[in-house]
Amino acid sequence: MNGLEIGRERPIIGISCDNMVMAGARRHMIRDSYVSAILAAGGAPLLIPCTGDEAASYALYRLLDGLLLTGGGDIDPQLYGEGEAGTEIDGIEPRRDSTELSLARWAVGDDLPLLGICRGHQVLNVALGGTLIQDIPGSLPESTTDHRGSTYTDDRSLLTHQVRFEAGCKLAGVFGETTFSVNSLHHQGVKEIAPGLQAVGFAPDGLIEALENPDRQWVVSVQWHPEELWARQTEAASLFQAFVQAAQVSSDRCKAVGV
């Protein structure tokens, strides 16, 4: 490449994009914080537009060494057997739902490293047969945990509550500890856990903050937003580094067997 020494090939990390209308035009977009987190961890980000075109999505999926499912609006509750969306549901986008649910199922089926964040945490659960709490304030009225504290400020990195992890789980090993503080920008959460997934992280009110699939090399999801914290919090940086490393291992393994 023009005489430049590029070094070891970086693993390709697919990042699912939002699909929304802004200023009268439909846009496929994602926050730079996701891209920056993957770059800093040593990955090569590939943005995946959520078009609803399964064939196009699969063509992009086949290029990936890892998949990052990002935050965003709510999933259509009909997709997890909860009937019509109520007034508390916000931002349903059918093309994004169908694209991300397919991506999640392909990744788990193929043992491709996957990291879900916020909405992505919920997408993983729904994709594998789980359900969601449609609105935390309405469903957990006695909760004193601030699940939207980072939403109503100008600081998406504001730490609002602690998360406790099960000793011995994959994430506890990544973080090197079982309790630390996180930011929080959501009003929905995991309800019934999908088959194959295990709850390994919990908010003070018991809400599930992290999931793992112990039968896969790296299928992990978190409810908070580490992409807003990686530059200032060791735990968040460690999460992206471990994810990208898993993608590198997966890539190397595939190349070794000629896949």
C-alpha atoms as a PDB file:
ATOM      1  CA  MET A   1       0.000   0.000   0.000  1.00  0.00           C
ATOM      2  CA  ASN A   2       2.196   2.795  -1.334  1.00  0.00           C
ATOM      3  CA  GLY A   3       5.101   1.437   0.688  1.00  0.00           C
ATOM      4  CA  LEU A   4       3.352   1.933   4.030  1.00  0.00           C
ATOM      5  CA  GLU A   5       3.640  -0.785   6.670  1.00  0.00           C
ATOM      6  CA  ILE A   6       0.050  -1.335   7.741  1.00  0.00           C
ATOM      7  CA  GLY A   7       0.722  -4.219  10.102  1.00  0.00           C
ATOM      8  CA  ARG A   8      -1.734  -6.895  11.169  1.00  0.00           C
ATOM      9  CA  GLU A   9      -5.117  -6.835   9.496  1.00  0.00           C
ATOM     10  CA  ARG A  10      -7.803  -5.462  11.770  1.00  0.00           C
ATOM     11  CA  PRO A  11     -10.970  -7.460  12.462  1.00  0.00           C
ATOM     12  CA  ILE A  12     -14.037  -6.038  10.735  1.00  0.00           C
ATOM     13  CA  ILE A  13     -16.749  -5.036  13.204  1.00  0.00           C
ATOM     14  CA  GLY A  14     -20.214  -4.461  11.802  1.00  0.00           C
ATOM     15  CA  ILE A  15     -22.087  -1.626  13.522  1.00  0.00           C
ATOM     16  CA  SER A  16     -25.848  -1.473  13.023  1.00  0.00           C
ATOM     17  CA  CYS A  17     -27.115   1.973  12.046  1.00  0.00           C
ATOM     18  CA  ASP A  18     -30.250   3.826  13.050  1.00  0.00           C
ATOM     19  CA  ASN A  19     -32.872   4.486  10.393  1.00  0.00           C
ATOM     20  CA  MET A  20     -34.701   7.766  10.883  1.00  0.00           C
ATOM     21  CA  VAL A  21     -36.163  10.806   9.182  1.00  0.00           C
ATOM     22  CA  MET A  22     -34.407  14.107   9.907  1.00  0.00           C
ATOM     23  CA  ALA A  23     -35.119  17.419   8.172  1.00  0.00           C
ATOM     24  CA  GLY A  24     -37.499  15.640   5.820  1.00  0.00           C
ATOM     25  CA  ALA A  25     -34.938  13.069   4.632  1.00  0.00           C
ATOM     26  CA  ARG A  26     -34.438   9.451   5.656  1.00  0.00           C
ATOM     27  CA  ARG A  27     -30.954   8.858   7.016  1.00  0.00           C
ATOM     28  CA  HIS A  28     -28.823   5.897   8.037  1.00  0.00           C
ATOM     29  CA  MET A  29     -26.642   7.105  10.877  1.00  0.00           C
ATOM     30  CA  ILE A  30     -24.861   6.253  14.101  1.00  0.00           C
ATOM     31  CA  ARG A  31     -23.079   8.200  16.846  1.00  0.00           C
ATOM     32  CA  ASP A  32     -19.359   8.626  16.445  1.00  0.00           C
ATOM     33  CA  SER A  33     -18.858   7.239  19.954  1.00  0.00           C
ATOM     34  CA  TYR A  34     -19.505   3.697  18.680  1.00  0.00           C
ATOM     35  CA  VAL A  35     -17.084   4.105  15.786  1.00  0.00           C
ATOM     36  CA  SER A  36     -14.424   5.681  17.999  1.00  0.00           C
ATOM     37  CA  ALA A  37     -14.718   2.913  20.599  1.00  0.00           C
ATOM     38  CA  ILE A  38     -14.165   0.213  17.980  1.00  0.00           C
ATOM     39  CA  LEU A  39     -11.245   2.088  16.394  1.00  0.00           C
ATOM     40  CA  ALA A  40      -9.596   2.626  19.776  1.00  0.00           C
ATOM     41  CA  ALA A  41      -9.937  -1.093  20.560  1.00  0.00           C
ATOM     42  CA  GLY A  42      -8.226  -2.057  17.310  1.00  0.00           C
ATOM     43  CA  GLY A  43     -11.196  -2.915  15.112  1.00  0.00           C
ATOM     44  CA  ALA A  44     -12.212  -1.710  11.649  1.00  0.00           C
ATOM     45  CA  PRO A  45     -15.820  -0.437  11.792  1.00  0.00           C
ATOM     46  CA  LEU A  46     -18.221  -1.283   8.974  1.00  0.00           C
ATOM     47  CA  LEU A  47     -21.556   0.553   9.177  1.00  0.00           C
ATOM     48  CA  ILE A  48     -24.557  -1.618   8.357  1.00  0.00           C
ATOM     49  CA  PRO A  49     -27.678   0.260   7.160  1.00  0.00           C
ATOM     50  CA  CYS A  50     -30.923  -1.194   8.494  1.00  0.00           C
ATOM     51  CA  THR A  51     -32.804  -1.417   5.208  1.00  0.00           C
ATOM     52  CA  GLY A  52     -34.997  -4.445   5.813  1.00  0.00           C
ATOM     53  CA  ASP A  53     -33.413  -6.059   2.744  1.00  0.00           C
ATOM     54  CA  GLU A  54     -32.351  -9.442   4.142  1.00  0.00           C
ATOM     55  CA  ALA A  55     -30.202 -10.425   1.163  1.00  0.00           C
ATOM     56  CA  ALA A  56     -28.250  -7.161   1.295  1.00  0.00           C
ATOM     57  CA  SER A  57     -27.821  -7.461   5.074  1.00  0.00           C
ATOM     58  CA  TYR A  58     -26.538 -11.010   4.754  1.00  0.00           C
ATOM     59  CA  ALA A  59     -24.033  -9.975   2.093  1.00  0.00           C
ATOM     60  CA  LEU A  60     -22.583  -7.447   4.544  1.00  0.00           C
ATOM     61  CA  TYR A  61     -22.817  -9.874   7.456  1.00  0.00           C
ATOM     62  CA  ARG A  62     -20.599 -12.358   5.591  1.00  0.00           C
ATOM     63  CA  LEU A  63     -17.778  -9.778   5.688  1.00  0.00           C
ATOM     64  CA  LEU A  64     -17.777  -9.476   9.480  1.00  0.00           C
ATOM     65  CA  ASP A  65     -15.500 -10.748  12.217  1.00  0.00           C
ATOM     66  CA  GLY A  66     -17.754  -9.291  14.923  1.00  0.00           C
ATOM     67  CA  LEU A  67     -21.142  -7.578  15.269  1.00  0.00           C
ATOM     68  CA  LEU A  68     -22.056  -4.562  17.411  1.00  0.00           C
ATOM     69  CA  LEU A  69     -25.790  -3.949  17.923  1.00  0.00           C
ATOM     70  CA  THR A  70     -26.307  -0.341  18.971  1.00  0.00           C
ATOM     71  CA  GLY A  71     -28.734   1.747  21.000  1.00  0.00           C
ATOM     72  CA  GLY A  72     -31.846   3.461  19.651  1.00  0.00           C
ATOM     73  CA  GLY A  73     -35.631   3.423  19.682  1.00  0.00           C
ATOM     74  CA  ASP A  74     -37.983   0.729  20.935  1.00  0.00           C
ATOM     75  CA  ILE A  75     -38.592  -2.688  19.378  1.00  0.00           C
ATOM     76  CA  ASP A  76     -42.117  -3.399  18.151  1.00  0.00           C
ATOM     77  CA  PRO A  77     -43.746  -5.351  21.048  1.00  0.00           C
ATOM     78  CA  GLN A  78     -45.586  -7.559  18.564  1.00  0.00           C
ATOM     79  CA  LEU A  79     -42.201  -9.124  17.817  1.00  0.00           C
ATOM     80  CA  TYR A  80     -42.071 -10.543  21.348  1.00  0.00           C
ATOM     81  CA  GLY A  81     -45.754 -11.412  21.702  1.00  0.00           C
ATOM     82  CA  GLU A  82     -46.921  -8.356  23.637  1.00  0.00           C
ATOM     83  CA  GLY A  83     -49.567  -7.033  21.206  1.00  0.00           C
ATOM     84  CA  GLU A  84     -49.971  -3.493  19.910  1.00  0.00           C
ATOM     85  CA  ALA A  85     -47.560  -0.772  20.998  1.00  0.00           C
ATOM     86  CA  GLY A  86     -48.806   1.453  23.801  1.00  0.00           C
ATOM     87  CA  THR A  87     -48.326   5.188  24.143  1.00  0.00           C
ATOM     88  CA  GLU A  88     -45.087   4.672  26.094  1.00  0.00           C
ATOM     89  CA  ILE A  89     -43.416   2.963  23.114  1.00  0.00           C
ATOM     90  CA  ASP A  90     -41.206   5.289  21.087  1.00  0.00           C
ATOM     91  CA  GLY A  91     -39.349   5.225  17.786  1.00  0.00           C
ATOM     92  CA  ILE A  92     -40.425   1.898  16.262  1.00  0.00           C
ATOM     93  CA  GLU A  93     -38.737   1.364  12.887  1.00  0.00           C
ATOM     94  CA  PRO A  94     -39.748  -1.959  11.234  1.00  0.00           C
ATOM     95  CA  ARG A  95     -36.745  -2.042   8.881  1.00  0.00           C
ATOM     96  CA  ARG A  96     -34.343  -1.689  11.760  1.00  0.00           C
ATOM     97  CA  ASP A  97     -36.172  -4.336  13.792  1.00  0.00           C
ATOM     98  CA  SER A  98     -36.077  -6.909  10.985  1.00  0.00           C
ATOM     99  CA  THR A  99     -32.452  -6.195  10.055  1.00  0.00           C
ATOM    100  CA  GLU A 100     -31.049  -6.351  13.571  1.00  0.00           C
ATOM    101  CA  LEU A 101     -33.073  -9.397  14.616  1.00  0.00           C
ATOM    102  CA  SER A 102     -31.732 -11.270  11.573  1.00  0.00           C
ATOM    103  CA  LEU A 103     -28.166 -10.118  12.244  1.00  0.00           C
ATOM    104  CA  ALA A 104     -28.391 -11.254  15.868  1.00  0.00           C
ATOM    105  CA  ARG A 105     -29.725 -14.710  14.935  1.00  0.00           C
ATOM    106  CA  TRP A 106     -27.063 -15.205  12.262  1.00  0.00           C
ATOM    107  CA  ALA A 107     -24.281 -14.189  14.639  1.00  0.00           C
ATOM    108  CA  VAL A 108     -25.417 -16.471  17.458  1.00  0.00           C
ATOM    109  CA  GLY A 109     -25.998 -19.338  15.039  1.00  0.00           C
ATOM    110  CA  ASP A 110     -22.529 -18.946  13.513  1.00  0.00           C
ATOM    111  CA  ASP A 111     -20.759 -18.222  16.835  1.00  0.00           C
ATOM    112  CA  LEU A 112     -19.689 -14.814  15.522  1.00  0.00           C
ATOM    113  CA  PRO A 113     -18.638 -12.496  18.371  1.00  0.00           C
ATOM    114  CA  LEU A 114     -21.527 -10.167  19.238  1.00  0.00           C
ATOM    115  CA  LEU A 115     -21.830  -7.201  21.571  1.00  0.00           C
ATOM    116  CA  GLY A 116     -25.248  -5.637  22.194  1.00  0.00           C
ATOM    117  CA  ILE A 117     -25.606  -2.199  23.769  1.00  0.00           C
ATOM    118  CA  CYS A 118     -28.873  -0.813  25.240  1.00  0.00           C
ATOM    119  CA  ARG A 119     -31.367  -1.466  22.420  1.00  0.00           C
ATOM    120  CA  GLY A 120     -28.870  -4.072  21.166  1.00  0.00           C
ATOM    121  CA  HIS A 121     -29.087  -5.807  24.561  1.00  0.00           C
ATOM    122  CA  GLN A 122     -32.851  -5.973  24.096  1.00  0.00           C
ATOM    123  CA  VAL A 123     -32.597  -7.005  20.419  1.00  0.00           C
ATOM    124  CA  LEU A 124     -30.424  -9.986  21.355  1.00  0.00           C
ATOM    125  CA  ASN A 125     -32.963 -11.139  23.930  1.00  0.00           C
ATOM    126  CA  VAL A 126     -35.943 -10.742  21.576  1.00  0.00           C
ATOM    127  CA  ALA A 127     -34.105 -12.381  18.657  1.00  0.00           C
ATOM    128  CA  LEU A 128     -33.605 -15.551  20.706  1.00  0.00           C
ATOM    129  CA  GLY A 129     -37.133 -15.696  22.115  1.00  0.00           C
ATOM    130  CA  GLY A 130     -37.138 -13.418  25.167  1.00  0.00           C
ATOM    131  CA  THR A 131     -39.461 -10.544  26.098  1.00  0.00           C
ATOM    132  CA  LEU A 132     -39.092  -6.971  27.312  1.00  0.00           C
ATOM    133  CA  ILE A 133     -40.446  -4.685  29.987  1.00  0.00           C
ATOM    134  CA  GLN A 134     -42.148  -2.109  27.777  1.00  0.00           C
ATOM    135  CA  ASP A 135     -41.866   0.776  30.231  1.00  0.00           C
ATOM    136  CA  ILE A 136     -39.857   0.592  33.455  1.00  0.00           C
ATOM    137  CA  PRO A 137     -41.623   3.454  35.302  1.00  0.00           C
ATOM    138  CA  GLY A 138     -45.003   1.822  34.687  1.00  0.00           C
ATOM    139  CA  SER A 139     -43.850  -1.740  35.365  1.00  0.00           C
ATOM    140  CA  LEU A 140     -41.550  -1.081  38.327  1.00  0.00           C
ATOM    141  CA  PRO A 141     -43.249   1.840  40.127  1.00  0.00           C
ATOM    142  CA  GLU A 142     -41.457   1.092  43.413  1.00  0.00           C
ATOM    143  CA  SER A 143     -37.993   1.234  41.845  1.00  0.00           C
ATOM    144  CA  THR A 144     -35.692   3.984  43.102  1.00  0.00           C
ATOM    145  CA  THR A 145     -32.967   3.222  40.509  1.00  0.00           C
ATOM    146  CA  ASP A 146     -32.443   6.056  38.038  1.00  0.00           C
ATOM    147  CA  HIS A 147     -32.567   4.330  34.641  1.00  0.00           C
ATOM    148  CA  ARG A 148     -32.860   7.526  32.584  1.00  0.00           C
ATOM    149  CA  GLY A 149     -30.613   9.806  34.593  1.00  0.00           C
ATOM    150  CA  SER A 150     -28.095  10.232  31.778  1.00  0.00           C
ATOM    151  CA  THR A 151     -30.880  11.046  29.295  1.00  0.00           C
ATOM    152  CA  TYR A 152     -32.110  14.254  30.825  1.00  0.00           C
ATOM    153  CA  THR A 153     -28.729  15.977  31.038  1.00  0.00           C
ATOM    154  CA  ASP A 154     -26.210  17.221  28.516  1.00  0.00           C
ATOM    155  CA  ASP A 155     -23.824  14.499  29.702  1.00  0.00           C
ATOM    156  CA  ARG A 156     -24.518  11.030  28.259  1.00  0.00           C
ATOM    157  CA  SER A 157     -21.548   9.769  30.270  1.00  0.00           C
ATOM    158  CA  LEU A 158     -23.114  10.707  33.621  1.00  0.00           C
ATOM    159  CA  LEU A 159     -22.866   7.733  36.006  1.00  0.00           C
ATOM    160  CA  THR A 160     -26.259   7.172  37.623  1.00  0.00           C
ATOM    161  CA  HIS A 161     -26.280   3.764  39.330  1.00  0.00           C
ATOM    162  CA  GLN A 162     -24.195   0.683  40.024  1.00  0.00           C
ATOM    163  CA  VAL A 163     -24.309  -2.703  38.329  1.00  0.00           C
ATOM    164  CA  ARG A 164     -23.505  -5.926  40.188  1.00  0.00           C
ATOM    165  CA  PHE A 165     -22.062  -8.891  38.258  1.00  0.00           C
ATOM    166  CA  GLU A 166     -22.168 -12.586  39.071  1.00  0.00           C
ATOM    167  CA  ALA A 167     -18.779 -13.800  40.244  1.00  0.00           C
ATOM    168  CA  GLY A 168     -17.157 -16.036  37.642  1.00  0.00           C
ATOM    169  CA  CYS A 169     -19.087 -14.708  34.647  1.00  0.00           C
ATOM    170  CA  LYS A 170     -17.273 -13.623  31.481  1.00  0.00           C
ATOM    171  CA  LEU A 171     -17.887  -9.925  32.099  1.00  0.00           C
ATOM    172  CA  ALA A 172     -16.611 -10.049  35.673  1.00  0.00           C
ATOM    173  CA  GLY A 173     -13.397 -11.449  34.224  1.00  0.00           C
ATOM    174  CA  VAL A 174     -13.232  -8.695  31.616  1.00  0.00           C
ATOM    175  CA  PHE A 175     -13.842  -5.931  34.145  1.00  0.00           C
ATOM    176  CA  GLY A 176     -11.749  -7.427  36.928  1.00  0.00           C
ATOM    177  CA  GLU A 177     -14.450  -6.588  39.463  1.00  0.00           C
ATOM    178  CA  THR A 178     -18.068  -7.393  40.254  1.00  0.00           C
ATOM    179  CA  THR A 179     -19.496  -3.912  40.977  1.00  0.00           C
ATOM    180  CA  PHE A 180     -19.040  -0.512  39.352  1.00  0.00           C
ATOM    181  CA  SER A 181     -21.096   2.506  38.255  1.00  0.00           C
ATOM    182  CA  VAL A 182     -22.598   3.019  34.796  1.00  0.00           C
ATOM    183  CA  ASN A 183     -24.546   5.598  32.811  1.00  0.00           C
ATOM    184  CA  SER A 184     -28.188   4.888  31.948  1.00  0.00           C
ATOM    185  CA  LEU A 185     -30.416   6.098  29.090  1.00  0.00           C
ATOM    186  CA  HIS A 186     -33.303   3.651  28.740  1.00  0.00           C
ATOM    187  CA  HIS A 187     -36.934   3.107  29.713  1.00  0.00           C
ATOM    188  CA  GLN A 188     -37.218  -0.556  28.677  1.00  0.00           C
ATOM    189  CA  GLY A 189     -35.442  -3.672  29.853  1.00  0.00           C
ATOM    190  CA  VAL A 190     -35.185  -7.447  29.663  1.00  0.00           C
ATOM    191  CA  LYS A 191     -38.186  -9.267  31.117  1.00  0.00           C
ATOM    192  CA  GLU A 192     -38.189 -13.008  30.305  1.00  0.00           C
ATOM    193  CA  ILE A 193     -34.692 -14.206  29.386  1.00  0.00           C
ATOM    194  CA  ALA A 194     -34.340 -15.976  26.047  1.00  0.00           C
ATOM    195  CA  PRO A 195     -33.260 -19.640  25.998  1.00  0.00           C
ATOM    196  CA  GLY A 196     -29.485 -19.949  25.917  1.00  0.00           C
ATOM    197  CA  LEU A 197     -28.854 -16.584  27.578  1.00  0.00           C
ATOM    198  CA  GLN A 198     -27.915 -16.000  31.210  1.00  0.00           C
ATOM    199  CA  ALA A 199     -28.417 -12.852  33.274  1.00  0.00           C
ATOM    200  CA  VAL A 200     -25.050 -11.908  34.783  1.00  0.00           C
ATOM    201  CA  GLY A 201     -25.428  -8.205  35.649  1.00  0.00           C
ATOM    202  CA  PHE A 202     -28.096  -6.453  37.712  1.00  0.00           C
ATOM    203  CA  ALA A 203     -29.118  -2.917  38.666  1.00  0.00           C
ATOM    204  CA  PRO A 204     -29.933  -2.187  42.332  1.00  0.00           C
ATOM    205  CA  ASP A 205     -33.647  -2.765  41.641  1.00  0.00           C
ATOM    206  CA  GLY A 206     -32.935  -6.152  40.051  1.00  0.00           C
ATOM    207  CA  LEU A 207     -33.298  -5.084  36.409  1.00  0.00           C
ATOM    208  CA  ILE A 208     -31.102  -7.225  34.143  1.00  0.00           C
ATOM    209  CA  GLU A 209     -28.164  -5.114  32.973  1.00  0.00           C
ATOM    210  CA  ALA A 210     -26.035  -7.772  31.253  1.00  0.00           C
ATOM    211  CA  LEU A 211     -26.550 -11.056  29.395  1.00  0.00           C
ATOM    212  CA  GLU A 212     -24.155 -13.750  28.210  1.00  0.00           C
ATOM    213  CA  ASN A 213     -24.436 -16.955  26.194  1.00  0.00           C
ATOM    214  CA  PRO A 214     -22.047 -19.423  27.867  1.00  0.00           C
ATOM    215  CA  ASP A 215     -22.211 -21.776  24.863  1.00  0.00           C
ATOM    216  CA  ARG A 216     -20.710 -19.205  22.480  1.00  0.00           C
ATOM    217  CA  GLN A 217     -17.211 -17.739  22.415  1.00  0.00           C
ATOM    218  CA  TRP A 218     -18.479 -14.159  22.803  1.00  0.00           C
ATOM    219  CA  VAL A 219     -22.171 -13.286  22.908  1.00  0.00           C
ATOM    220  CA  VAL A 220     -22.518 -10.467  25.430  1.00  0.00           C
ATOM    221  CA  SER A 221     -24.955  -7.592  25.894  1.00  0.00           C
ATOM    222  CA  VAL A 222     -25.208  -4.679  28.323  1.00  0.00           C
ATOM    223  CA  GLN A 223     -28.027  -2.261  29.070  1.00  0.00           C
ATOM    224  CA  TRP A 224     -25.895   0.829  29.678  1.00  0.00           C
ATOM    225  CA  HIS A 225     -23.799   2.799  27.147  1.00  0.00           C
ATOM    226  CA  PRO A 226     -20.067   1.969  27.428  1.00  0.00           C
ATOM    227  CA  GLU A 227     -19.395   3.699  24.087  1.00  0.00           C
ATOM    228  CA  GLU A 228     -19.914   6.993  25.930  1.00  0.00           C
ATOM    229  CA  LEU A 229     -17.453   5.977  28.675  1.00  0.00           C
ATOM    230  CA  TRP A 230     -14.525   4.151  27.052  1.00  0.00           C
ATOM    231  CA  ALA A 231     -12.194   7.187  27.000  1.00  0.00           C
ATOM    232  CA  ARG A 232     -12.596   7.804  30.735  1.00  0.00           C
ATOM    233  CA  GLN A 233     -13.572   4.491  32.320  1.00  0.00           C
ATOM    234  CA  THR A 234     -11.289   1.449  32.402  1.00  0.00           C
ATOM    235  CA  GLU A 235     -14.193  -1.000  32.509  1.00  0.00           C
ATOM    236  CA  ALA A 236     -15.777   0.394  29.341  1.00  0.00           C
ATOM    237  CA  ALA A 237     -12.469   0.384  27.461  1.00  0.00           C
ATOM    238  CA  SER A 238     -11.836  -3.198  28.598  1.00  0.00           C
ATOM    239  CA  LEU A 239     -15.214  -4.300  27.252  1.00  0.00           C
ATOM    240  CA  PHE A 240     -14.478  -3.058  23.728  1.00  0.00           C
ATOM    241  CA  GLN A 241     -10.931  -4.417  23.820  1.00  0.00           C
ATOM    242  CA  ALA A 242     -12.168  -7.885  24.841  1.00  0.00           C
ATOM    243  CA  PHE A 243     -14.867  -7.818  22.155  1.00  0.00           C
ATOM    244  CA  VAL A 244     -12.468  -6.805  19.375  1.00  0.00           C
ATOM    245  CA  GLN A 245      -9.944  -9.380  20.584  1.00  0.00           C
ATOM    246  CA  ALA A 246     -12.654 -12.078  20.364  1.00  0.00           C
ATOM    247  CA  ALA A 247     -13.377 -10.915  16.805  1.00  0.00           C
ATOM    248  CA  GLN A 248      -9.664 -11.121  15.975  1.00  0.00           C
ATOM    249  CA  VAL A 249      -9.480 -14.662  17.337  1.00  0.00           C
ATOM    250  CA  SER A 250     -12.562 -15.601  15.321  1.00  0.00           C
ATOM    251  CA  SER A 251     -11.066 -14.065  12.182  1.00  0.00           C
ATOM    252  CA  ASP A 252      -7.750 -15.864  12.659  1.00  0.00           C
ATOM    253  CA  ARG A 253      -9.525 -19.169  13.238  1.00  0.00           C
ATOM    254  CA  CYS A 254     -11.580 -18.800  10.070  1.00  0.00           C
ATOM    255  CA  LYS A 255      -8.514 -17.940   8.002  1.00  0.00           C
ATOM    256  CA  ALA A 256      -6.650 -20.914   9.422  1.00  0.00           C
ATOM    257  CA  VAL A 257      -9.306 -23.328   8.198  1.00  0.00           C
ATOM    258  CA  GLY A 258      -9.828 -21.471   4.920  1.00  0.00           C
ATOM    259  CA  VAL A 259     -13.328 -20.149   5.621  1.00  0.00           C
END
